[in-house]
PDB file of N, CA and C in Angstrom:
ATOM      1  N   MET A   1       0.852  -1.189   0.000  1.00  0.00           N
ATOM      2  CA  MET A   1       0.000   0.000   0.000  1.00  0.00           C
ATOM      3  C   MET A   1       0.889   1.241   0.000  1.00  0.00           C
ATOM      4  N   PHE A   2       0.560   2.184  -0.873  1.00  0.00           N
ATOM      5  CA  PHE A   2       1.330   3.415  -0.983  1.00  0.00           C
ATOM      6  C   PHE A   2       0.679   4.510  -0.171  1.00  0.00           C
ATOM      7  N   SER A   3       1.522   5.297   0.447  1.00  0.00           N
ATOM      8  CA  SER A   3       1.013   6.461   1.160  1.00  0.00           C
ATOM      9  C   SER A   3       1.128   7.678   0.246  1.00  0.00           C
ATOM     10  N   PHE A   4       0.467   8.722   0.632  1.00  0.00           N
ATOM     11  CA  PHE A   4       0.527   9.953  -0.157  1.00  0.00           C
ATOM     12  C   PHE A   4       1.965  10.439  -0.242  1.00  0.00           C
ATOM     13  N   GLU A   5       2.701  10.343   0.870  1.00  0.00           N
ATOM     14  CA  GLU A   5       4.090  10.783   0.895  1.00  0.00           C
ATOM     15  C   GLU A   5       4.942  10.022  -0.103  1.00  0.00           C
ATOM     16  N   SER A   6       4.768   8.710  -0.148  1.00  0.00           N
ATOM     17  CA  SER A   6       5.587   7.913  -1.068  1.00  0.00           C
ATOM     18  C   SER A   6       5.236   8.236  -2.528  1.00  0.00           C
ATOM     19  N   GLU A   7       3.979   8.544  -2.786  1.00  0.00           N
ATOM     20  CA  GLU A   7       3.587   8.933  -4.142  1.00  0.00           C
ATOM     21  C   GLU A   7       4.233  10.254  -4.543  1.00  0.00           C
ATOM     22  N   VAL A   8       4.298  11.197  -3.603  1.00  0.00           N
ATOM     23  CA  VAL A   8       4.932  12.486  -3.880  1.00  0.00           C
ATOM     24  C   VAL A   8       6.424  12.279  -4.129  1.00  0.00           C
ATOM     25  N   ILE A   9       7.056  11.445  -3.322  1.00  0.00           N
ATOM     26  CA  ILE A   9       8.481  11.174  -3.499  1.00  0.00           C
ATOM     27  C   ILE A   9       8.725  10.528  -4.856  1.00  0.00           C
ATOM     28  N   ASP A  10       7.917   9.530  -5.203  1.00  0.00           N
ATOM     29  CA  ASP A  10       8.064   8.857  -6.496  1.00  0.00           C
ATOM     30  C   ASP A  10       7.905   9.835  -7.660  1.00  0.00           C
ATOM     31  N   ALA A  11       6.876  10.664  -7.585  1.00  0.00           N
ATOM     32  CA  ALA A  11       6.630  11.628  -8.660  1.00  0.00           C
ATOM     33  C   ALA A  11       7.771  12.641  -8.762  1.00  0.00           C
ATOM     34  N   THR A  12       8.282  13.071  -7.613  1.00  0.00           N
ATOM     35  CA  THR A  12       9.380  14.036  -7.599  1.00  0.00           C
ATOM     36  C   THR A  12      10.641  13.429  -8.196  1.00  0.00           C
ATOM     37  N   VAL A  13      10.959  12.205  -7.797  1.00  0.00           N
ATOM     38  CA  VAL A  13      12.157  11.538  -8.311  1.00  0.00           C
ATOM     39  C   VAL A  13      12.040  11.313  -9.819  1.00  0.00           C
ATOM     40  N   LYS A  14      10.873  10.875 -10.274  1.00  0.00           N
ATOM     41  CA  LYS A  14      10.676  10.670 -11.713  1.00  0.00           C
ATOM     42  C   LYS A  14      10.890  11.958 -12.492  1.00  0.00           C
ATOM     43  N   LYS A  15      10.373  13.062 -11.949  1.00  0.00           N
ATOM     44  CA  LYS A  15      10.545  14.351 -12.630  1.00  0.00           C
ATOM     45  C   LYS A  15      12.004  14.782 -12.621  1.00  0.00           C
ATOM     46  N   LEU A  16      12.683  14.561 -11.499  1.00  0.00           N
ATOM     47  CA  LEU A  16      14.101  14.915 -11.433  1.00  0.00           C
ATOM     48  C   LEU A  16      14.920  14.112 -12.432  1.00  0.00           C
ATOM     49  N   ILE A  17      14.658  12.813 -12.505  1.00  0.00           N
ATOM     50  CA  ILE A  17      15.385  11.945 -13.437  1.00  0.00           C
ATOM     51  C   ILE A  17      15.159  12.378 -14.884  1.00  0.00           C
ATOM     52  N   ASN A  18      13.943  12.782 -15.187  1.00  0.00           N
ATOM     53  CA  ASN A  18      13.602  13.198 -16.547  1.00  0.00           C
ATOM     54  C   ASN A  18      13.923  14.670 -16.828  1.00  0.00           C
ATOM     55  N   GLY A  19      14.495  15.350 -15.847  1.00  0.00           N
ATOM     56  CA  GLY A  19      14.867  16.746 -16.039  1.00  0.00           C
ATOM     57  C   GLY A  19      13.692  17.698 -16.078  1.00  0.00           C
ATOM     58  N   LEU A  20      12.580  17.301 -15.486  1.00  0.00           N
ATOM     59  CA  LEU A  20      11.380  18.139 -15.478  1.00  0.00           C
ATOM     60  C   LEU A  20      11.319  18.970 -14.203  1.00  0.00           C
ATOM     61  N   ASP A  21      10.449  19.959 -14.213  1.00  0.00           N
ATOM     62  CA  ASP A  21      10.258  20.828 -13.057  1.00  0.00           C
ATOM     63  C   ASP A  21       9.467  20.069 -11.996  1.00  0.00           C
ATOM     64  N   TYR A  22      10.069  19.891 -10.844  1.00  0.00           N
ATOM     65  CA  TYR A  22       9.465  19.119  -9.753  1.00  0.00           C
ATOM     66  C   TYR A  22       8.846  19.998  -8.672  1.00  0.00           C
ATOM     67  N   ARG A  23       8.982  21.306  -8.792  1.00  0.00           N
ATOM     68  CA  ARG A  23       8.575  22.208  -7.706  1.00  0.00           C
ATOM     69  C   ARG A  23       7.098  22.119  -7.373  1.00  0.00           C
ATOM     70  N   GLN A  24       6.252  21.859  -8.357  1.00  0.00           N
ATOM     71  CA  GLN A  24       4.818  21.778  -8.088  1.00  0.00           C
ATOM     72  C   GLN A  24       4.502  20.620  -7.135  1.00  0.00           C
ATOM     73  N   GLU A  25       5.247  19.530  -7.243  1.00  0.00           N
ATOM     74  CA  GLU A  25       5.053  18.394  -6.325  1.00  0.00           C
ATOM     75  C   GLU A  25       5.334  18.817  -4.891  1.00  0.00           C
ATOM     76  N   ILE A  26       6.400  19.582  -4.710  1.00  0.00           N
ATOM     77  CA  ILE A  26       6.782  20.039  -3.370  1.00  0.00           C
ATOM     78  C   ILE A  26       5.752  21.023  -2.828  1.00  0.00           C
ATOM     79  N   VAL A  27       5.326  21.955  -3.667  1.00  0.00           N
ATOM     80  CA  VAL A  27       4.321  22.944  -3.248  1.00  0.00           C
ATOM     81  C   VAL A  27       3.020  22.237  -2.860  1.00  0.00           C
ATOM     82  N   ASN A  28       2.614  21.247  -3.642  1.00  0.00           N
ATOM     83  CA  ASN A  28       1.398  20.493  -3.312  1.00  0.00           C
ATOM     84  C   ASN A  28       1.531  19.782  -1.975  1.00  0.00           C
ATOM     85  N   GLU A  29       2.689  19.202  -1.717  1.00  0.00           N
ATOM     86  CA  GLU A  29       2.920  18.518  -0.436  1.00  0.00           C
ATOM     87  C   GLU A  29       2.812  19.496   0.728  1.00  0.00           C
ATOM     88  N   ILE A  30       3.420  20.657   0.583  1.00  0.00           N
ATOM     89  CA  ILE A  30       3.345  21.686   1.629  1.00  0.00           C
ATOM     90  C   ILE A  30       1.895  22.110   1.840  1.00  0.00           C
ATOM     91  N   ASN A  31       1.157  22.315   0.761  1.00  0.00           N
ATOM     92  CA  ASN A  31      -0.244  22.726   0.866  1.00  0.00           C
ATOM     93  C   ASN A  31      -1.095  21.674   1.567  1.00  0.00           C
ATOM     94  N   VAL A  32      -0.869  20.413   1.238  1.00  0.00           N
ATOM     95  CA  VAL A  32      -1.644  19.332   1.859  1.00  0.00           C
ATOM     96  C   VAL A  32      -1.352  19.259   3.352  1.00  0.00           C
ATOM     97  N   ARG A  33      -0.076  19.355   3.716  1.00  0.00           N
ATOM     98  CA  ARG A  33       0.279  19.301   5.141  1.00  0.00           C
ATOM     99  C   ARG A  33      -0.303  20.500   5.907  1.00  0.00           C
ATOM    100  N   PHE A  34      -0.241  21.685   5.289  1.00  0.00           N
ATOM    101  CA  PHE A  34      -0.782  22.869   5.943  1.00  0.00           C
ATOM    102  C   PHE A  34      -2.294  22.759   6.118  1.00  0.00           C
ATOM    103  N   LEU A  35      -2.978  22.305   5.084  1.00  0.00           N
ATOM    104  CA  LEU A  35      -4.427  22.147   5.156  1.00  0.00           C
ATOM    105  C   LEU A  35      -4.801  21.131   6.229  1.00  0.00           C
ATOM    106  N   ASP A  36      -4.084  20.024   6.291  1.00  0.00           N
ATOM    107  CA  ASP A  36      -4.345  19.001   7.294  1.00  0.00           C
ATOM    108  C   ASP A  36      -4.156  19.566   8.709  1.00  0.00           C
ATOM    109  N   PHE A  37      -3.062  20.305   8.908  1.00  0.00           N
ATOM    110  CA  PHE A  37      -2.813  20.913  10.211  1.00  0.00           C
ATOM    111  C   PHE A  37      -3.911  21.910  10.574  1.00  0.00           C
ATOM    112  N   THR A  38      -4.278  22.751   9.608  1.00  0.00           N
ATOM    113  CA  THR A  38      -5.289  23.782   9.857  1.00  0.00           C
ATOM    114  C   THR A  38      -6.635  23.170  10.225  1.00  0.00           C
ATOM    115  N   LEU A  39      -7.045  22.157   9.483  1.00  0.00           N
ATOM    116  CA  LEU A  39      -8.322  21.497   9.787  1.00  0.00           C
ATOM    117  C   LEU A  39      -8.293  20.834  11.161  1.00  0.00           C
ATOM    118  N   SER A  40      -7.204  20.177  11.486  1.00  0.00           N
ATOM    119  CA  SER A  40      -7.074  19.531  12.793  1.00  0.00           C
ATOM    120  C   SER A  40      -7.084  20.562  13.913  1.00  0.00           C
ATOM    121  N   PHE A  41      -6.397  21.665  13.693  1.00  0.00           N
ATOM    122  CA  PHE A  41      -6.332  22.735  14.688  1.00  0.00           C
ATOM    123  C   PHE A  41      -7.722  23.302  14.964  1.00  0.00           C
ATOM    124  N   PHE A  42      -8.444  23.639  13.911  1.00  0.00           N
ATOM    125  CA  PHE A  42      -9.775  24.207  14.100  1.00  0.00           C
ATOM    126  C   PHE A  42     -10.763  23.172  14.633  1.00  0.00           C
ATOM    127  N   ARG A  43     -10.575  21.933  14.282  1.00  0.00           N
ATOM    128  CA  ARG A  43     -11.414  20.867  14.845  1.00  0.00           C
ATOM    129  C   ARG A  43     -11.231  20.820  16.369  1.00  0.00           C
ATOM    130  N   GLU A  44      -9.996  20.963  16.808  1.00  0.00           N
ATOM    131  CA  GLU A  44      -9.699  20.984  18.246  1.00  0.00           C
ATOM    132  C   GLU A  44     -10.377  22.170  18.926  1.00  0.00           C
ATOM    133  N   ILE A  45     -10.337  23.323  18.279  1.00  0.00           N
ATOM    134  CA  ILE A  45     -10.972  24.525  18.833  1.00  0.00           C
ATOM    135  C   ILE A  45     -12.487  24.335  18.918  1.00  0.00           C
ATOM    136  N   VAL A  46     -13.088  23.853  17.853  1.00  0.00           N
ATOM    137  CA  VAL A  46     -14.540  23.652  17.828  1.00  0.00           C
ATOM    138  C   VAL A  46     -14.958  22.620  18.870  1.00  0.00           C
ATOM    139  N   GLU A  47     -14.183  21.548  18.979  1.00  0.00           N
ATOM    140  CA  GLU A  47     -14.491  20.526  19.975  1.00  0.00           C
ATOM    141  C   GLU A  47     -14.473  21.107  21.386  1.00  0.00           C
ATOM    142  N   ALA A  48     -13.490  21.919  21.671  1.00  0.00           N
ATOM    143  CA  ALA A  48     -13.406  22.550  22.987  1.00  0.00           C
ATOM    144  C   ALA A  48     -14.601  23.468  23.223  1.00  0.00           C
ATOM    145  N   LYS A  49     -14.958  24.243  22.228  1.00  0.00           N
ATOM    146  CA  LYS A  49     -16.095  25.153  22.374  1.00  0.00           C
ATOM    147  C   LYS A  49     -17.409  24.392  22.570  1.00  0.00           C
ATOM    148  N   LEU A  50     -17.591  23.317  21.794  1.00  0.00           N
ATOM    149  CA  LEU A  50     -18.827  22.542  21.916  1.00  0.00           C
ATOM    150  C   LEU A  50     -18.941  21.850  23.271  1.00  0.00           C
ATOM    151  N   ASN A  51     -17.805  21.483  23.847  1.00  0.00           N
ATOM    152  CA  ASN A  51     -17.793  20.824  25.148  1.00  0.00           C
ATOM    153  C   ASN A  51     -17.655  21.816  26.287  1.00  0.00           C
ATOM    154  N   ASP A  52     -17.744  23.099  25.949  1.00  0.00           N
ATOM    155  CA  ASP A  52     -17.645  24.183  26.933  1.00  0.00           C
ATOM    156  C   ASP A  52     -16.361  24.078  27.750  1.00  0.00           C
ATOM    157  N   GLU A  53     -15.272  23.773  27.078  1.00  0.00           N
ATOM    158  CA  GLU A  53     -13.961  23.678  27.720  1.00  0.00           C
ATOM    159  C   GLU A  53     -13.150  24.923  27.368  1.00  0.00           C
ATOM    160  N   PRO A  54     -12.279  25.333  28.266  1.00  0.00           N
ATOM    161  CA  PRO A  54     -11.457  26.506  27.953  1.00  0.00           C
ATOM    162  C   PRO A  54     -10.394  26.173  26.905  1.00  0.00           C
ATOM    163  N   ILE A  55     -10.068  27.148  26.111  1.00  0.00           N
ATOM    164  CA  ILE A  55      -8.990  26.995  25.143  1.00  0.00           C
ATOM    165  C   ILE A  55      -7.781  27.700  25.730  1.00  0.00           C
ATOM    166  N   THR A  56      -6.878  26.914  26.269  1.00  0.00           N
ATOM    167  CA  THR A  56      -5.718  27.470  26.958  1.00  0.00           C
ATOM    168  C   THR A  56      -4.474  27.365  26.081  1.00  0.00           C
ATOM    169  N   ALA A  57      -3.480  28.147  26.458  1.00  0.00           N
ATOM    170  CA  ALA A  57      -2.207  28.098  25.736  1.00  0.00           C
ATOM    171  C   ALA A  57      -1.596  26.709  25.855  1.00  0.00           C
ATOM    172  N   LYS A  58      -1.769  26.081  27.007  1.00  0.00           N
ATOM    173  CA  LYS A  58      -1.216  24.736  27.205  1.00  0.00           C
ATOM    174  C   LYS A  58      -1.873  23.751  26.238  1.00  0.00           C
ATOM    175  N   ARG A  59      -3.175  23.824  26.106  1.00  0.00           N
ATOM    176  CA  ARG A  59      -3.887  22.911  25.201  1.00  0.00           C
ATOM    177  C   ARG A  59      -3.431  23.122  23.760  1.00  0.00           C
ATOM    178  N   ILE A  60      -3.293  24.370  23.366  1.00  0.00           N
ATOM    179  CA  ILE A  60      -2.893  24.672  22.007  1.00  0.00           C
ATOM    180  C   ILE A  60      -1.441  24.268  21.778  1.00  0.00           C
ATOM    181  N   SER A  61      -0.560  24.541  22.721  1.00  0.00           N
ATOM    182  CA  SER A  61       0.856  24.186  22.533  1.00  0.00           C
ATOM    183  C   SER A  61       1.037  22.680  22.472  1.00  0.00           C
ATOM    184  N   LEU A  62       0.248  21.914  23.208  1.00  0.00           N
ATOM    185  CA  LEU A  62       0.329  20.456  23.126  1.00  0.00           C
ATOM    186  C   LEU A  62      -0.113  19.987  21.752  1.00  0.00           C
ATOM    187  N   PHE A  63      -1.131  20.640  21.211  1.00  0.00           N
ATOM    188  CA  PHE A  63      -1.626  20.264  19.887  1.00  0.00           C
ATOM    189  C   PHE A  63      -0.600  20.564  18.813  1.00  0.00           C
ATOM    190  N   ILE A  64       0.054  21.696  18.906  1.00  0.00           N
ATOM    191  CA  ILE A  64       1.004  22.120  17.884  1.00  0.00           C
ATOM    192  C   ILE A  64       2.232  21.202  17.869  1.00  0.00           C
ATOM    193  N   ARG A  65       2.620  20.674  18.997  1.00  0.00           N
ATOM    194  CA  ARG A  65       3.795  19.800  19.062  1.00  0.00           C
ATOM    195  C   ARG A  65       3.556  18.438  18.454  1.00  0.00           C
ATOM    196  N   GLU A  66       2.301  18.028  18.284  1.00  0.00           N
ATOM    197  CA  GLU A  66       2.019  16.685  17.777  1.00  0.00           C
ATOM    198  C   GLU A  66       2.417  16.511  16.359  1.00  0.00           C
TER     199      GLU A  66
END
């Protein structure tokens, strides 16, 4: 089974070997990781609000380190 990361690596290596521009693969990977982090972060915030829990710096810093 292939992961998204391995597919990006494969596509990047193939482009490098063929002398093609690989930068779009890297930009897409960065965008996917950022989107995933952002959605997870806001999900954590919404969950805290729905459960009437405080959103503290400690809670957020623990989330960011994961």
